[in-house]
Amino acid sequence: MTDDQNARENGSAPTPEDLRAHALAARDELGRTVEGAAGAADAAARAKAGELSSQAREKTADVKARGQEKAGEVKDLAAEKAGQAKDLAAGKAGEAKDLAAGKAGEAKDSAAEKAAAVKGRTAEKAGEIRTQASQKAAEVRAQAREKTPDAVLDKASQAQQQVGAAVRTLGEKWQEHAPEPVRRGADRVANAARGKEKLLVAGGVAAAAVVAVARHRRRG
């Protein structure tokens, strides 16, 4: 019971000291009430702050986990795309290589065909030239025989026979007196000369024909 209540019960008026004491008591009680309320508010605020901090940490961890998961998905997708691009590039490179090889083969075959065609045309042309040369030579020989008097042809034939007889006679004498190695060498020379008898005779006939024609012209 306060002094004010005691004074009212006793029927006496409160003194200034009583009022001062009553004010101080009321102020102390109000201070304690305020401190209690502030403490309760502070405790509630700290609890709320802790709750919010915990929620923030949970949210941060969740966002981080989702970010890592998303980064992993992006990384896997990038690796898959890179693999596809690599396979596509390898396929394109293989196709380009095969195409280049095919073109090179076609060019090689075409070059070989052209070379064969040129070679064939060259051989054909050479054959034509040889044929024309043979025909021309035959015509020249025929013209020479036509323009050569019979007497010249007879003399050429007689000269050929005489030369052949002389060669045979000398050969027989040589065979009798020459050493064996020398005879073998002479046989090889004689065999080679036999293959050219016709050429020598033809040359002699042609020369004789030229001489006869020249004489005939001078006489004319």
C-alpha atoms as a PDB file:
ATOM      1  CA  MET A   1       0.000   0.000   0.000  1.00  0.00           C
ATOM      2  CA  THR A   2       1.365   3.447  -0.966  1.00  0.00           C
ATOM      3  CA  ASP A   3       1.594   6.549   1.159  1.00  0.00           C
ATOM      4  CA  ASP A   4      -1.144   8.178  -0.966  1.00  0.00           C
ATOM      5  CA  GLN A   5      -3.481   5.287  -0.289  1.00  0.00           C
ATOM      6  CA  ASN A   6      -2.572   5.410   3.425  1.00  0.00           C
ATOM      7  CA  ALA A   7      -3.254   9.138   3.489  1.00  0.00           C
ATOM      8  CA  ARG A   8      -6.625   8.692   1.752  1.00  0.00           C
ATOM      9  CA  GLU A   9      -7.559   5.907   4.157  1.00  0.00           C
ATOM     10  CA  ASN A  10      -6.492   8.034   7.083  1.00  0.00           C
ATOM     11  CA  GLY A  11      -8.456  11.013   5.645  1.00  0.00           C
ATOM     12  CA  SER A  12      -5.475  13.295   5.512  1.00  0.00           C
ATOM     13  CA  ALA A  13      -4.196  15.168   2.366  1.00  0.00           C
ATOM     14  CA  PRO A  14      -0.910  14.002   0.748  1.00  0.00           C
ATOM     15  CA  THR A  15       2.081  16.104   1.433  1.00  0.00           C
ATOM     16  CA  PRO A  16       4.517  17.298  -1.287  1.00  0.00           C
ATOM     17  CA  GLU A  17       6.938  14.643  -0.184  1.00  0.00           C
ATOM     18  CA  ASP A  18       4.227  12.070  -0.651  1.00  0.00           C
ATOM     19  CA  LEU A  19       3.531  13.376  -4.134  1.00  0.00           C
ATOM     20  CA  ARG A  20       7.237  13.399  -4.987  1.00  0.00           C
ATOM     21  CA  ALA A  21       7.632   9.868  -3.709  1.00  0.00           C
ATOM     22  CA  HIS A  22       4.541   8.813  -5.627  1.00  0.00           C
ATOM     23  CA  ALA A  23       5.951  10.374  -8.863  1.00  0.00           C
ATOM     24  CA  LEU A  24       9.280   8.682  -8.408  1.00  0.00           C
ATOM     25  CA  ALA A  25       7.609   5.360  -7.790  1.00  0.00           C
ATOM     26  CA  ALA A  26       5.414   5.802 -10.854  1.00  0.00           C
ATOM     27  CA  ARG A  27       8.452   6.779 -12.958  1.00  0.00           C
ATOM     28  CA  ASP A  28      10.419   3.723 -11.784  1.00  0.00           C
ATOM     29  CA  GLU A  29       7.499   1.461 -12.544  1.00  0.00           C
ATOM     30  CA  LEU A  30       7.085   3.039 -15.984  1.00  0.00           C
ATOM     31  CA  GLY A  31      10.830   2.642 -16.623  1.00  0.00           C
ATOM     32  CA  ARG A  32      10.690  -1.016 -15.692  1.00  0.00           C
ATOM     33  CA  THR A  33       7.659  -1.467 -17.895  1.00  0.00           C
ATOM     34  CA  VAL A  34       9.419   0.263 -20.775  1.00  0.00           C
ATOM     35  CA  GLU A  35      12.597  -1.767 -20.224  1.00  0.00           C
ATOM     36  CA  GLY A  36      10.554  -4.964 -20.133  1.00  0.00           C
ATOM     37  CA  ALA A  37       8.734  -4.023 -23.274  1.00  0.00           C
ATOM     38  CA  ALA A  38      11.991  -3.014 -24.944  1.00  0.00           C
ATOM     39  CA  GLY A  39      13.615  -6.276 -23.864  1.00  0.00           C
ATOM     40  CA  ALA A  40      10.649  -8.250 -25.141  1.00  0.00           C
ATOM     41  CA  ALA A  41      10.726  -6.272 -28.411  1.00  0.00           C
ATOM     42  CA  ASP A  42      14.468  -6.759 -28.696  1.00  0.00           C
ATOM     43  CA  ALA A  43      14.128 -10.497 -28.056  1.00  0.00           C
ATOM     44  CA  ALA A  44      11.341 -10.687 -30.628  1.00  0.00           C
ATOM     45  CA  ALA A  45      13.430  -8.678 -33.073  1.00  0.00           C
ATOM     46  CA  ARG A  46      16.443 -10.900 -32.496  1.00  0.00           C
ATOM     47  CA  ALA A  47      14.283 -13.980 -32.945  1.00  0.00           C
ATOM     48  CA  LYS A  48      12.802 -12.529 -36.114  1.00  0.00           C
ATOM     49  CA  ALA A  49      16.231 -11.515 -37.324  1.00  0.00           C
ATOM     50  CA  GLY A  50      17.525 -15.032 -36.655  1.00  0.00           C
ATOM     51  CA  GLU A  51      14.555 -16.488 -38.478  1.00  0.00           C
ATOM     52  CA  LEU A  52      15.071 -14.157 -41.415  1.00  0.00           C
ATOM     53  CA  SER A  53      18.812 -14.867 -41.439  1.00  0.00           C
ATOM     54  CA  SER A  54      18.127 -18.604 -41.466  1.00  0.00           C
ATOM     55  CA  GLN A  55      15.625 -18.190 -44.272  1.00  0.00           C
ATOM     56  CA  ALA A  56      18.139 -16.072 -46.201  1.00  0.00           C
ATOM     57  CA  ARG A  57      20.821 -18.728 -45.780  1.00  0.00           C
ATOM     58  CA  GLU A  58      18.384 -21.381 -46.929  1.00  0.00           C
ATOM     59  CA  LYS A  59      17.415 -19.275 -49.930  1.00  0.00           C
ATOM     60  CA  THR A  60      21.074 -18.586 -50.714  1.00  0.00           C
ATOM     61  CA  ALA A  61      21.945 -22.275 -50.507  1.00  0.00           C
ATOM     62  CA  ASP A  62      18.933 -23.149 -52.656  1.00  0.00           C
ATOM     63  CA  VAL A  63      19.821 -20.532 -55.270  1.00  0.00           C
ATOM     64  CA  LYS A  64      23.432 -21.694 -55.252  1.00  0.00           C
ATOM     65  CA  ALA A  65      22.398 -25.321 -55.681  1.00  0.00           C
ATOM     66  CA  ARG A  66      20.049 -24.418 -58.538  1.00  0.00           C
ATOM     67  CA  GLY A  67      22.806 -22.310 -60.103  1.00  0.00           C
ATOM     68  CA  GLN A  68      25.284 -25.179 -59.901  1.00  0.00           C
ATOM     69  CA  GLU A  69      22.686 -27.556 -61.337  1.00  0.00           C
ATOM     70  CA  LYS A  70      21.934 -25.127 -64.158  1.00  0.00           C
ATOM     71  CA  ALA A  71      25.648 -24.627 -64.796  1.00  0.00           C
ATOM     72  CA  GLY A  72      26.085 -28.390 -65.015  1.00  0.00           C
ATOM     73  CA  GLU A  73      23.199 -28.631 -67.493  1.00  0.00           C
ATOM     74  CA  VAL A  74      24.660 -25.806 -69.565  1.00  0.00           C
ATOM     75  CA  LYS A  75      28.082 -27.448 -69.485  1.00  0.00           C
ATOM     76  CA  ASP A  76      26.651 -30.801 -70.566  1.00  0.00           C
ATOM     77  CA  LEU A  77      24.652 -29.123 -73.331  1.00  0.00           C
ATOM     78  CA  ALA A  78      27.739 -27.235 -74.505  1.00  0.00           C
ATOM     79  CA  ALA A  79      29.771 -30.462 -74.521  1.00  0.00           C
ATOM     80  CA  GLU A  80      27.015 -32.214 -76.484  1.00  0.00           C
ATOM     81  CA  LYS A  81      26.836 -29.360 -79.006  1.00  0.00           C
ATOM     82  CA  ALA A  82      30.636 -29.350 -79.314  1.00  0.00           C
ATOM     83  CA  GLY A  83      30.621 -33.108 -79.934  1.00  0.00           C
ATOM     84  CA  GLN A  84      27.927 -32.731 -82.587  1.00  0.00           C
ATOM     85  CA  ALA A  85      29.863 -29.894 -84.234  1.00  0.00           C
ATOM     86  CA  LYS A  86      33.040 -31.986 -84.161  1.00  0.00           C
ATOM     87  CA  ASP A  87      31.273 -34.993 -85.696  1.00  0.00           C
ATOM     88  CA  LEU A  88      29.693 -32.752 -88.325  1.00  0.00           C
ATOM     89  CA  ALA A  89      33.062 -31.182 -89.156  1.00  0.00           C
ATOM     90  CA  ALA A  90      34.682 -34.619 -89.373  1.00  0.00           C
ATOM     91  CA  GLY A  91      31.894 -35.796 -91.675  1.00  0.00           C
ATOM     92  CA  LYS A  92      32.258 -32.744 -93.871  1.00  0.00           C
ATOM     93  CA  ALA A  93      36.034 -33.195 -93.977  1.00  0.00           C
ATOM     94  CA  GLY A  94      35.607 -36.846 -94.956  1.00  0.00           C
ATOM     95  CA  GLU A  95      33.135 -35.913 -97.690  1.00  0.00           C
ATOM     96  CA  ALA A  96      35.499 -33.218 -98.974  1.00  0.00           C
ATOM     97  CA  LYS A  97      38.397 -35.684 -98.944  1.00  0.00           C
ATOM     98  CA  ASP A  98      36.378 -38.312-100.805  1.00  0.00           C
ATOM     99  CA  LEU A  99      35.216 -35.694-103.310  1.00  0.00           C
ATOM    100  CA  ALA A 100      38.781 -34.482-103.846  1.00  0.00           C
ATOM    101  CA  ALA A 101      39.992 -38.058-104.295  1.00  0.00           C
ATOM    102  CA  GLY A 102      37.197 -38.694-106.795  1.00  0.00           C
ATOM    103  CA  LYS A 103      38.040 -35.537-108.722  1.00  0.00           C
ATOM    104  CA  ALA A 104      41.729 -36.445-108.712  1.00  0.00           C
ATOM    105  CA  GLY A 105      40.905 -39.934-109.997  1.00  0.00           C
ATOM    106  CA  GLU A 106      38.698 -38.494-112.721  1.00  0.00           C
ATOM    107  CA  ALA A 107      41.419 -36.009-113.701  1.00  0.00           C
ATOM    108  CA  LYS A 108      44.010 -38.800-113.745  1.00  0.00           C
ATOM    109  CA  ASP A 109      41.791 -41.034-115.885  1.00  0.00           C
ATOM    110  CA  SER A 110      41.018 -38.139-118.208  1.00  0.00           C
ATOM    111  CA  ALA A 111      44.723 -37.314-118.521  1.00  0.00           C
ATOM    112  CA  ALA A 112      45.521 -40.968-119.213  1.00  0.00           C
ATOM    113  CA  GLU A 113      42.790 -41.136-121.860  1.00  0.00           C
ATOM    114  CA  LYS A 114      44.048 -37.950-123.498  1.00  0.00           C
ATOM    115  CA  ALA A 115      47.639 -39.201-123.392  1.00  0.00           C
ATOM    116  CA  ALA A 116      46.568 -42.511-124.923  1.00  0.00           C
ATOM    117  CA  ALA A 117      44.611 -40.652-127.607  1.00  0.00           C
ATOM    118  CA  VAL A 118      47.591 -38.413-128.384  1.00  0.00           C
ATOM    119  CA  LYS A 119      49.900 -41.429-128.442  1.00  0.00           C
ATOM    120  CA  GLY A 120      47.515 -43.263-130.758  1.00  0.00           C
ATOM    121  CA  ARG A 121      47.244 -40.279-133.094  1.00  0.00           C
ATOM    122  CA  THR A 122      51.019 -39.868-133.029  1.00  0.00           C
ATOM    123  CA  ALA A 123      51.565 -43.536-133.853  1.00  0.00           C
ATOM    124  CA  GLU A 124      48.928 -43.344-136.581  1.00  0.00           C
ATOM    125  CA  LYS A 125      50.574 -40.233-138.031  1.00  0.00           C
ATOM    126  CA  ALA A 126      53.999 -41.858-137.839  1.00  0.00           C
ATOM    127  CA  GLY A 127      52.626 -44.920-139.642  1.00  0.00           C
ATOM    128  CA  GLU A 128      51.137 -42.699-142.323  1.00  0.00           C
ATOM    129  CA  ILE A 129      54.456 -40.879-142.710  1.00  0.00           C
ATOM    130  CA  ARG A 130      56.354 -44.176-142.948  1.00  0.00           C
ATOM    131  CA  THR A 131      53.859 -45.473-145.478  1.00  0.00           C
ATOM    132  CA  GLN A 132      54.128 -42.289-147.519  1.00  0.00           C
ATOM    133  CA  ALA A 133      57.936 -42.431-147.324  1.00  0.00           C
ATOM    134  CA  SER A 134      57.939 -46.059-148.441  1.00  0.00           C
ATOM    135  CA  GLN A 135      55.575 -45.251-151.287  1.00  0.00           C
ATOM    136  CA  LYS A 136      57.703 -42.278-152.278  1.00  0.00           C
ATOM    137  CA  ALA A 137      60.869 -44.347-152.152  1.00  0.00           C
ATOM    138  CA  ALA A 138      59.218 -47.045-154.257  1.00  0.00           C
ATOM    139  CA  GLU A 139      58.106 -44.413-156.757  1.00  0.00           C
ATOM    140  CA  VAL A 140      61.618 -42.982-156.890  1.00  0.00           C
ATOM    141  CA  ARG A 141      63.116 -46.438-157.403  1.00  0.00           C
ATOM    142  CA  ALA A 142      60.529 -47.222-160.082  1.00  0.00           C
ATOM    143  CA  GLN A 143      61.225 -43.913-161.818  1.00  0.00           C
ATOM    144  CA  ALA A 144      64.959 -44.584-161.592  1.00  0.00           C
ATOM    145  CA  ARG A 145      64.535 -48.031-163.124  1.00  0.00           C
ATOM    146  CA  GLU A 146      62.318 -46.603-165.860  1.00  0.00           C
ATOM    147  CA  LYS A 147      64.823 -43.871-166.692  1.00  0.00           C
ATOM    148  CA  THR A 148      67.855 -46.120-166.431  1.00  0.00           C
ATOM    149  CA  PRO A 149      68.843 -47.724-169.744  1.00  0.00           C
ATOM    150  CA  ASP A 150      68.899 -51.495-169.908  1.00  0.00           C
ATOM    151  CA  ALA A 151      72.595 -51.411-170.634  1.00  0.00           C
ATOM    152  CA  VAL A 152      73.259 -49.640-167.336  1.00  0.00           C
ATOM    153  CA  LEU A 153      71.137 -52.143-165.449  1.00  0.00           C
ATOM    154  CA  ASP A 154      72.974 -55.002-167.124  1.00  0.00           C
ATOM    155  CA  LYS A 155      76.334 -53.477-166.237  1.00  0.00           C
ATOM    156  CA  ALA A 156      75.188 -52.984-162.628  1.00  0.00           C
ATOM    157  CA  SER A 157      74.093 -56.615-162.427  1.00  0.00           C
ATOM    158  CA  GLN A 158      77.385 -57.774-163.934  1.00  0.00           C
ATOM    159  CA  ALA A 159      79.307 -55.548-161.485  1.00  0.00           C
ATOM    160  CA  GLN A 160      77.339 -57.026-158.608  1.00  0.00           C
ATOM    161  CA  GLN A 161      78.160 -60.540-159.738  1.00  0.00           C
ATOM    162  CA  GLN A 162      81.822 -59.668-160.224  1.00  0.00           C
ATOM    163  CA  VAL A 163      82.044 -58.020-156.807  1.00  0.00           C
ATOM    164  CA  GLY A 164      80.361 -61.029-155.208  1.00  0.00           C
ATOM    165  CA  ALA A 165      82.718 -63.427-156.927  1.00  0.00           C
ATOM    166  CA  ALA A 166      85.740 -61.362-155.942  1.00  0.00           C
ATOM    167  CA  VAL A 167      84.579 -61.181-152.360  1.00  0.00           C
ATOM    168  CA  ARG A 168      84.036 -64.925-152.234  1.00  0.00           C
ATOM    169  CA  THR A 169      87.506 -65.577-153.738  1.00  0.00           C
ATOM    170  CA  LEU A 170      89.210 -63.251-151.302  1.00  0.00           C
ATOM    171  CA  GLY A 171      87.241 -64.790-148.472  1.00  0.00           C
ATOM    172  CA  GLU A 172      88.349 -68.281-149.393  1.00  0.00           C
ATOM    173  CA  LYS A 173      92.001 -67.206-149.570  1.00  0.00           C
ATOM    174  CA  TRP A 174      91.663 -65.370-146.309  1.00  0.00           C
ATOM    175  CA  GLN A 175      90.157 -68.398-144.619  1.00  0.00           C
ATOM    176  CA  GLU A 176      93.132 -70.487-145.745  1.00  0.00           C
ATOM    177  CA  HIS A 177      95.848 -68.200-144.366  1.00  0.00           C
ATOM    178  CA  ALA A 178      94.261 -66.110-141.566  1.00  0.00           C
ATOM    179  CA  PRO A 179      94.450 -67.149-137.866  1.00  0.00           C
ATOM    180  CA  GLU A 180      91.329 -68.546-136.179  1.00  0.00           C
ATOM    181  CA  PRO A 181      90.383 -65.413-134.167  1.00  0.00           C
ATOM    182  CA  VAL A 182      90.750 -63.237-137.230  1.00  0.00           C
ATOM    183  CA  ARG A 183      88.637 -65.639-139.307  1.00  0.00           C
ATOM    184  CA  ARG A 184      85.818 -65.484-136.723  1.00  0.00           C
ATOM    185  CA  GLY A 185      85.850 -61.679-136.859  1.00  0.00           C
ATOM    186  CA  ALA A 186      85.843 -61.747-140.633  1.00  0.00           C
ATOM    187  CA  ASP A 187      82.867 -64.116-140.632  1.00  0.00           C
ATOM    188  CA  ARG A 188      80.900 -61.677-138.465  1.00  0.00           C
ATOM    189  CA  VAL A 189      81.745 -58.806-140.854  1.00  0.00           C
ATOM    190  CA  ALA A 190      80.793 -60.913-143.879  1.00  0.00           C
ATOM    191  CA  ASN A 191      77.465 -61.893-142.303  1.00  0.00           C
ATOM    192  CA  ALA A 192      76.709 -58.261-141.589  1.00  0.00           C
ATOM    193  CA  ALA A 193      77.610 -57.325-145.155  1.00  0.00           C
ATOM    194  CA  ARG A 194      75.352 -60.025-146.617  1.00  0.00           C
ATOM    195  CA  GLY A 195      72.352 -58.405-144.960  1.00  0.00           C
ATOM    196  CA  LYS A 196      73.173 -55.146-146.735  1.00  0.00           C
ATOM    197  CA  GLU A 197      73.910 -56.495-150.226  1.00  0.00           C
ATOM    198  CA  LYS A 198      70.535 -55.378-151.521  1.00  0.00           C
ATOM    199  CA  LEU A 199      71.036 -51.894-150.139  1.00  0.00           C
ATOM    200  CA  LEU A 200      74.465 -51.690-151.778  1.00  0.00           C
ATOM    201  CA  VAL A 201      73.072 -52.911-155.063  1.00  0.00           C
ATOM    202  CA  ALA A 202      70.144 -50.517-154.873  1.00  0.00           C
ATOM    203  CA  GLY A 203      72.513 -47.678-154.132  1.00  0.00           C
ATOM    204  CA  GLY A 204      74.694 -48.660-157.067  1.00  0.00           C
ATOM    205  CA  VAL A 205      71.713 -48.884-159.374  1.00  0.00           C
ATOM    206  CA  ALA A 206      70.462 -45.492-158.247  1.00  0.00           C
ATOM    207  CA  ALA A 207      73.881 -43.951-158.738  1.00  0.00           C
ATOM    208  CA  ALA A 208      74.166 -45.497-162.142  1.00  0.00           C
ATOM    209  CA  ALA A 209      70.720 -44.225-163.025  1.00  0.00           C
ATOM    210  CA  VAL A 210      71.644 -40.707-161.988  1.00  0.00           C
ATOM    211  CA  VAL A 211      74.810 -40.835-164.070  1.00  0.00           C
ATOM    212  CA  ALA A 212      72.943 -42.195-167.056  1.00  0.00           C
ATOM    213  CA  VAL A 213      70.225 -39.570-166.843  1.00  0.00           C
ATOM    214  CA  ALA A 214      72.815 -36.805-166.558  1.00  0.00           C
ATOM    215  CA  ARG A 215      74.649 -38.094-169.629  1.00  0.00           C
ATOM    216  CA  HIS A 216      71.407 -38.434-171.534  1.00  0.00           C
ATOM    217  CA  ARG A 217      70.513 -34.823-170.755  1.00  0.00           C
ATOM    218  CA  ARG A 218      73.927 -33.564-171.817  1.00  0.00           C
ATOM    219  CA  ARG A 219      73.585 -35.413-175.078  1.00  0.00           C
ATOM    220  CA  GLY A 220      70.158 -34.039-175.629  1.00  0.00           C
END
